[in-house]
Amino acid sequence: MRALSLPDCEELLARHHVGRLAFAFCDRVDIQPVHYVYDAGWIYGRTSGGAKLTALTHHPWVAFEVDEVRDTFDWASVVVKGSFHRLDPGGSPREGAVAVYAAALLRTLVPATLTTEDPVPFRAVLYRIALDEVTGRAASPRATDTP
């Protein structure tokens, strides 16, 4: 096993679009799969209202993980620790601009995001996660000896 450099971690985050979001909820830790887009030190996503969003509003510290598994001993994993930030399109001009940017990024993944054709219209809450700490590890099979 080896540690991944920050550029390697960022490349893995940018290559994938499904990760797991871990957060504290009612004195427990919960983890849920989410789709996302990574851009310039932020993870952008969307969710629906409910218990997860309520928990994150009160306790914004999260962990986020993305894995790239090719085989049992051939994989890479990135773990991000950071803070959850709900984006309010109707908030300040700056926050509104960030929400518009987040929606545009998410449309690169699902083009109908937040339109009348949205396949998951109930996921209307935009957010981003600040990357405070990023670590990555990778394993690869040992090179075989050639005769």
C-alpha atoms as a PDB file:
ATOM      1  CA  MET A   1       0.000   0.000   0.000  1.00  0.00           C
ATOM      2  CA  ARG A   2       1.039   3.570  -0.549  1.00  0.00           C
ATOM      3  CA  ALA A   3      -0.230   7.031   0.258  1.00  0.00           C
ATOM      4  CA  LEU A   4      -1.645   9.080  -2.611  1.00  0.00           C
ATOM      5  CA  SER A   5      -0.416  12.614  -3.221  1.00  0.00           C
ATOM      6  CA  LEU A   6      -2.918  15.475  -3.164  1.00  0.00           C
ATOM      7  CA  PRO A   7      -2.888  15.717  -6.994  1.00  0.00           C
ATOM      8  CA  ASP A   8      -3.566  11.944  -7.189  1.00  0.00           C
ATOM      9  CA  CYS A   9      -6.457  12.334  -4.725  1.00  0.00           C
ATOM     10  CA  GLU A  10      -7.911  15.221  -6.725  1.00  0.00           C
ATOM     11  CA  GLU A  11      -7.645  13.240  -9.976  1.00  0.00           C
ATOM     12  CA  LEU A  12      -9.527  10.326  -8.402  1.00  0.00           C
ATOM     13  CA  LEU A  13     -12.226  12.663  -7.043  1.00  0.00           C
ATOM     14  CA  ALA A  14     -12.615  14.261 -10.487  1.00  0.00           C
ATOM     15  CA  ARG A  15     -12.776  10.890 -12.272  1.00  0.00           C
ATOM     16  CA  HIS A  16     -15.728   9.599 -10.269  1.00  0.00           C
ATOM     17  CA  HIS A  17     -19.228  10.823  -9.533  1.00  0.00           C
ATOM     18  CA  VAL A  18     -20.552   8.519  -6.800  1.00  0.00           C
ATOM     19  CA  GLY A  19     -19.211   8.667  -3.268  1.00  0.00           C
ATOM     20  CA  ARG A  20     -20.318   8.137   0.303  1.00  0.00           C
ATOM     21  CA  LEU A  21     -21.161  10.932   2.701  1.00  0.00           C
ATOM     22  CA  ALA A  22     -20.733  10.209   6.425  1.00  0.00           C
ATOM     23  CA  PHE A  23     -22.234  12.452   9.087  1.00  0.00           C
ATOM     24  CA  ALA A  24     -23.412  12.436  12.703  1.00  0.00           C
ATOM     25  CA  PHE A  25     -27.128  11.826  13.207  1.00  0.00           C
ATOM     26  CA  CYS A  26     -28.822  11.348  16.594  1.00  0.00           C
ATOM     27  CA  ASP A  27     -25.637  10.291  18.396  1.00  0.00           C
ATOM     28  CA  ARG A  28     -24.816   7.851  15.599  1.00  0.00           C
ATOM     29  CA  VAL A  29     -22.821   8.023  12.424  1.00  0.00           C
ATOM     30  CA  ASP A  30     -24.698   7.517   9.191  1.00  0.00           C
ATOM     31  CA  ILE A  31     -23.287   7.033   5.711  1.00  0.00           C
ATOM     32  CA  GLN A  32     -25.163   7.479   2.453  1.00  0.00           C
ATOM     33  CA  PRO A  33     -24.232   7.188  -1.208  1.00  0.00           C
ATOM     34  CA  VAL A  34     -24.454  10.436  -3.177  1.00  0.00           C
ATOM     35  CA  HIS A  35     -23.598  11.565  -6.662  1.00  0.00           C
ATOM     36  CA  TYR A  36     -21.307  14.552  -6.925  1.00  0.00           C
ATOM     37  CA  VAL A  37     -18.993  16.658  -9.059  1.00  0.00           C
ATOM     38  CA  TYR A  38     -15.542  17.688  -7.837  1.00  0.00           C
ATOM     39  CA  ASP A  39     -14.257  21.114  -8.823  1.00  0.00           C
ATOM     40  CA  ALA A  40     -11.394  23.259  -7.522  1.00  0.00           C
ATOM     41  CA  GLY A  41     -11.262  22.008  -3.956  1.00  0.00           C
ATOM     42  CA  TRP A  42     -15.022  21.567  -3.470  1.00  0.00           C
ATOM     43  CA  ILE A  43     -17.412  18.632  -3.768  1.00  0.00           C
ATOM     44  CA  TYR A  44     -20.785  19.720  -5.200  1.00  0.00           C
ATOM     45  CA  GLY A  45     -23.977  17.731  -4.859  1.00  0.00           C
ATOM     46  CA  ARG A  46     -27.670  17.869  -4.257  1.00  0.00           C
ATOM     47  CA  THR A  47     -30.030  16.207  -1.863  1.00  0.00           C
ATOM     48  CA  SER A  48     -33.618  16.280  -0.672  1.00  0.00           C
ATOM     49  CA  GLY A  49     -34.974  17.693   2.543  1.00  0.00           C
ATOM     50  CA  GLY A  50     -35.279  15.423   5.535  1.00  0.00           C
ATOM     51  CA  ALA A  51     -33.335  14.026   8.464  1.00  0.00           C
ATOM     52  CA  LYS A  52     -29.934  14.105   6.710  1.00  0.00           C
ATOM     53  CA  LEU A  53     -30.269  17.767   5.794  1.00  0.00           C
ATOM     54  CA  THR A  54     -31.520  18.650   9.278  1.00  0.00           C
ATOM     55  CA  ALA A  55     -28.583  16.834  10.866  1.00  0.00           C
ATOM     56  CA  LEU A  56     -26.084  18.531   8.544  1.00  0.00           C
ATOM     57  CA  THR A  57     -27.553  21.948   9.269  1.00  0.00           C
ATOM     58  CA  HIS A  58     -26.788  21.483  12.978  1.00  0.00           C
ATOM     59  CA  HIS A  59     -23.547  19.481  12.655  1.00  0.00           C
ATOM     60  CA  PRO A  60     -21.876  20.374   9.340  1.00  0.00           C
ATOM     61  CA  TRP A  61     -18.719  18.273   9.808  1.00  0.00           C
ATOM     62  CA  VAL A  62     -18.640  15.386   7.344  1.00  0.00           C
ATOM     63  CA  ALA A  63     -16.431  12.724   5.880  1.00  0.00           C
ATOM     64  CA  PHE A  64     -16.657  11.780   2.221  1.00  0.00           C
ATOM     65  CA  GLU A  65     -15.136   8.728   0.545  1.00  0.00           C
ATOM     66  CA  VAL A  66     -14.618   7.633  -3.037  1.00  0.00           C
ATOM     67  CA  ASP A  67     -13.173   4.278  -4.045  1.00  0.00           C
ATOM     68  CA  GLU A  68     -11.791   2.982  -7.305  1.00  0.00           C
ATOM     69  CA  VAL A  69     -11.656  -0.811  -7.111  1.00  0.00           C
ATOM     70  CA  ARG A  70     -10.163  -2.845  -9.923  1.00  0.00           C
ATOM     71  CA  ASP A  71      -9.457  -6.037  -7.950  1.00  0.00           C
ATOM     72  CA  THR A  72      -8.936  -7.261  -4.383  1.00  0.00           C
ATOM     73  CA  PHE A  73      -5.371  -5.964  -4.221  1.00  0.00           C
ATOM     74  CA  ASP A  74      -5.661  -3.255  -6.873  1.00  0.00           C
ATOM     75  CA  TRP A  75      -7.588  -0.245  -5.636  1.00  0.00           C
ATOM     76  CA  ALA A  76      -7.400   3.411  -4.595  1.00  0.00           C
ATOM     77  CA  SER A  77      -9.436   5.280  -2.016  1.00  0.00           C
ATOM     78  CA  VAL A  78      -9.756   8.946  -1.057  1.00  0.00           C
ATOM     79  CA  VAL A  79     -11.218  10.219   2.206  1.00  0.00           C
ATOM     80  CA  VAL A  80     -12.147  13.872   2.615  1.00  0.00           C
ATOM     81  CA  LYS A  81     -12.921  15.519   5.922  1.00  0.00           C
ATOM     82  CA  GLY A  82     -14.629  18.858   5.698  1.00  0.00           C
ATOM     83  CA  SER A  83     -17.716  20.946   6.211  1.00  0.00           C
ATOM     84  CA  PHE A  84     -21.121  20.811   4.548  1.00  0.00           C
ATOM     85  CA  HIS A  85     -22.504  24.061   3.094  1.00  0.00           C
ATOM     86  CA  ARG A  86     -26.082  24.311   1.886  1.00  0.00           C
ATOM     87  CA  LEU A  87     -26.373  26.654  -1.112  1.00  0.00           C
ATOM     88  CA  ASP A  88     -29.281  29.079  -1.197  1.00  0.00           C
ATOM     89  CA  PRO A  89     -30.025  30.384  -4.715  1.00  0.00           C
ATOM     90  CA  GLY A  90     -32.085  33.173  -3.135  1.00  0.00           C
ATOM     91  CA  GLY A  91     -29.414  34.156  -0.621  1.00  0.00           C
ATOM     92  CA  SER A  92     -26.741  36.775  -1.039  1.00  0.00           C
ATOM     93  CA  PRO A  93     -25.596  37.572  -4.591  1.00  0.00           C
ATOM     94  CA  ARG A  94     -22.394  35.592  -4.014  1.00  0.00           C
ATOM     95  CA  GLU A  95     -24.264  32.564  -2.635  1.00  0.00           C
ATOM     96  CA  GLY A  96     -26.743  32.759  -5.510  1.00  0.00           C
ATOM     97  CA  ALA A  97     -23.859  32.757  -7.992  1.00  0.00           C
ATOM     98  CA  VAL A  98     -22.309  29.724  -6.281  1.00  0.00           C
ATOM     99  CA  ALA A  99     -25.672  27.911  -6.460  1.00  0.00           C
ATOM    100  CA  VAL A 100     -25.949  28.674 -10.190  1.00  0.00           C
ATOM    101  CA  TYR A 101     -22.382  27.404 -10.674  1.00  0.00           C
ATOM    102  CA  ALA A 102     -23.158  24.238  -8.673  1.00  0.00           C
ATOM    103  CA  ALA A 103     -26.232  23.541 -10.812  1.00  0.00           C
ATOM    104  CA  ALA A 104     -24.158  23.995 -13.986  1.00  0.00           C
ATOM    105  CA  LEU A 105     -21.547  21.547 -12.691  1.00  0.00           C
ATOM    106  CA  LEU A 106     -24.214  19.002 -11.758  1.00  0.00           C
ATOM    107  CA  ARG A 107     -25.713  19.334 -15.237  1.00  0.00           C
ATOM    108  CA  THR A 108     -22.450  17.956 -16.651  1.00  0.00           C
ATOM    109  CA  LEU A 109     -23.430  14.744 -14.843  1.00  0.00           C
ATOM    110  CA  VAL A 110     -27.230  14.834 -15.238  1.00  0.00           C
ATOM    111  CA  PRO A 111     -28.141  17.372 -17.946  1.00  0.00           C
ATOM    112  CA  ALA A 112     -31.742  17.800 -16.736  1.00  0.00           C
ATOM    113  CA  THR A 113     -30.704  18.750 -13.170  1.00  0.00           C
ATOM    114  CA  LEU A 114     -33.228  21.209 -11.678  1.00  0.00           C
ATOM    115  CA  THR A 115     -35.315  21.421 -14.851  1.00  0.00           C
ATOM    116  CA  THR A 116     -38.817  20.134 -15.574  1.00  0.00           C
ATOM    117  CA  GLU A 117     -37.195  16.980 -17.006  1.00  0.00           C
ATOM    118  CA  ASP A 118     -35.136  16.259 -13.865  1.00  0.00           C
ATOM    119  CA  PRO A 119     -35.141  12.487 -13.161  1.00  0.00           C
ATOM    120  CA  VAL A 120     -34.930  13.181  -9.396  1.00  0.00           C
ATOM    121  CA  PRO A 121     -36.784  16.495  -8.895  1.00  0.00           C
ATOM    122  CA  PHE A 122     -37.115  15.910  -5.146  1.00  0.00           C
ATOM    123  CA  ARG A 123     -33.322  16.418  -4.828  1.00  0.00           C
ATOM    124  CA  ALA A 124     -33.603  20.175  -5.113  1.00  0.00           C
ATOM    125  CA  VAL A 125     -31.234  21.257  -2.326  1.00  0.00           C
ATOM    126  CA  LEU A 126     -27.771  22.172  -3.602  1.00  0.00           C
ATOM    127  CA  TYR A 127     -24.707  21.884  -1.382  1.00  0.00           C
ATOM    128  CA  ARG A 128     -20.963  21.828  -1.456  1.00  0.00           C
ATOM    129  CA  ILE A 129     -18.352  20.339   0.826  1.00  0.00           C
ATOM    130  CA  ALA A 130     -15.151  22.178   1.657  1.00  0.00           C
ATOM    131  CA  LEU A 131     -12.106  19.926   1.567  1.00  0.00           C
ATOM    132  CA  ASP A 132     -10.350  20.594   4.868  1.00  0.00           C
ATOM    133  CA  GLU A 133      -8.327  17.357   4.944  1.00  0.00           C
ATOM    134  CA  VAL A 134      -7.727  14.966   2.040  1.00  0.00           C
ATOM    135  CA  THR A 135      -6.000  11.609   2.337  1.00  0.00           C
ATOM    136  CA  GLY A 136      -5.705   8.749  -0.076  1.00  0.00           C
ATOM    137  CA  ARG A 137      -4.302   5.268  -0.168  1.00  0.00           C
ATOM    138  CA  ALA A 138      -3.765   2.792  -2.944  1.00  0.00           C
ATOM    139  CA  ALA A 139      -2.837  -0.843  -3.270  1.00  0.00           C
ATOM    140  CA  SER A 140      -1.519  -2.543  -6.324  1.00  0.00           C
ATOM    141  CA  PRO A 141      -0.500  -6.124  -7.032  1.00  0.00           C
ATOM    142  CA  ARG A 142       3.155  -6.929  -6.694  1.00  0.00           C
ATOM    143  CA  ALA A 143       5.038  -7.029  -9.947  1.00  0.00           C
ATOM    144  CA  THR A 144       5.583 -10.578 -11.095  1.00  0.00           C
ATOM    145  CA  ASP A 145       9.057 -11.804 -11.824  1.00  0.00           C
ATOM    146  CA  THR A 146       9.684 -12.539 -15.459  1.00  0.00           C
ATOM    147  CA  PRO A 147      11.987 -15.391 -16.364  1.00  0.00           C
END
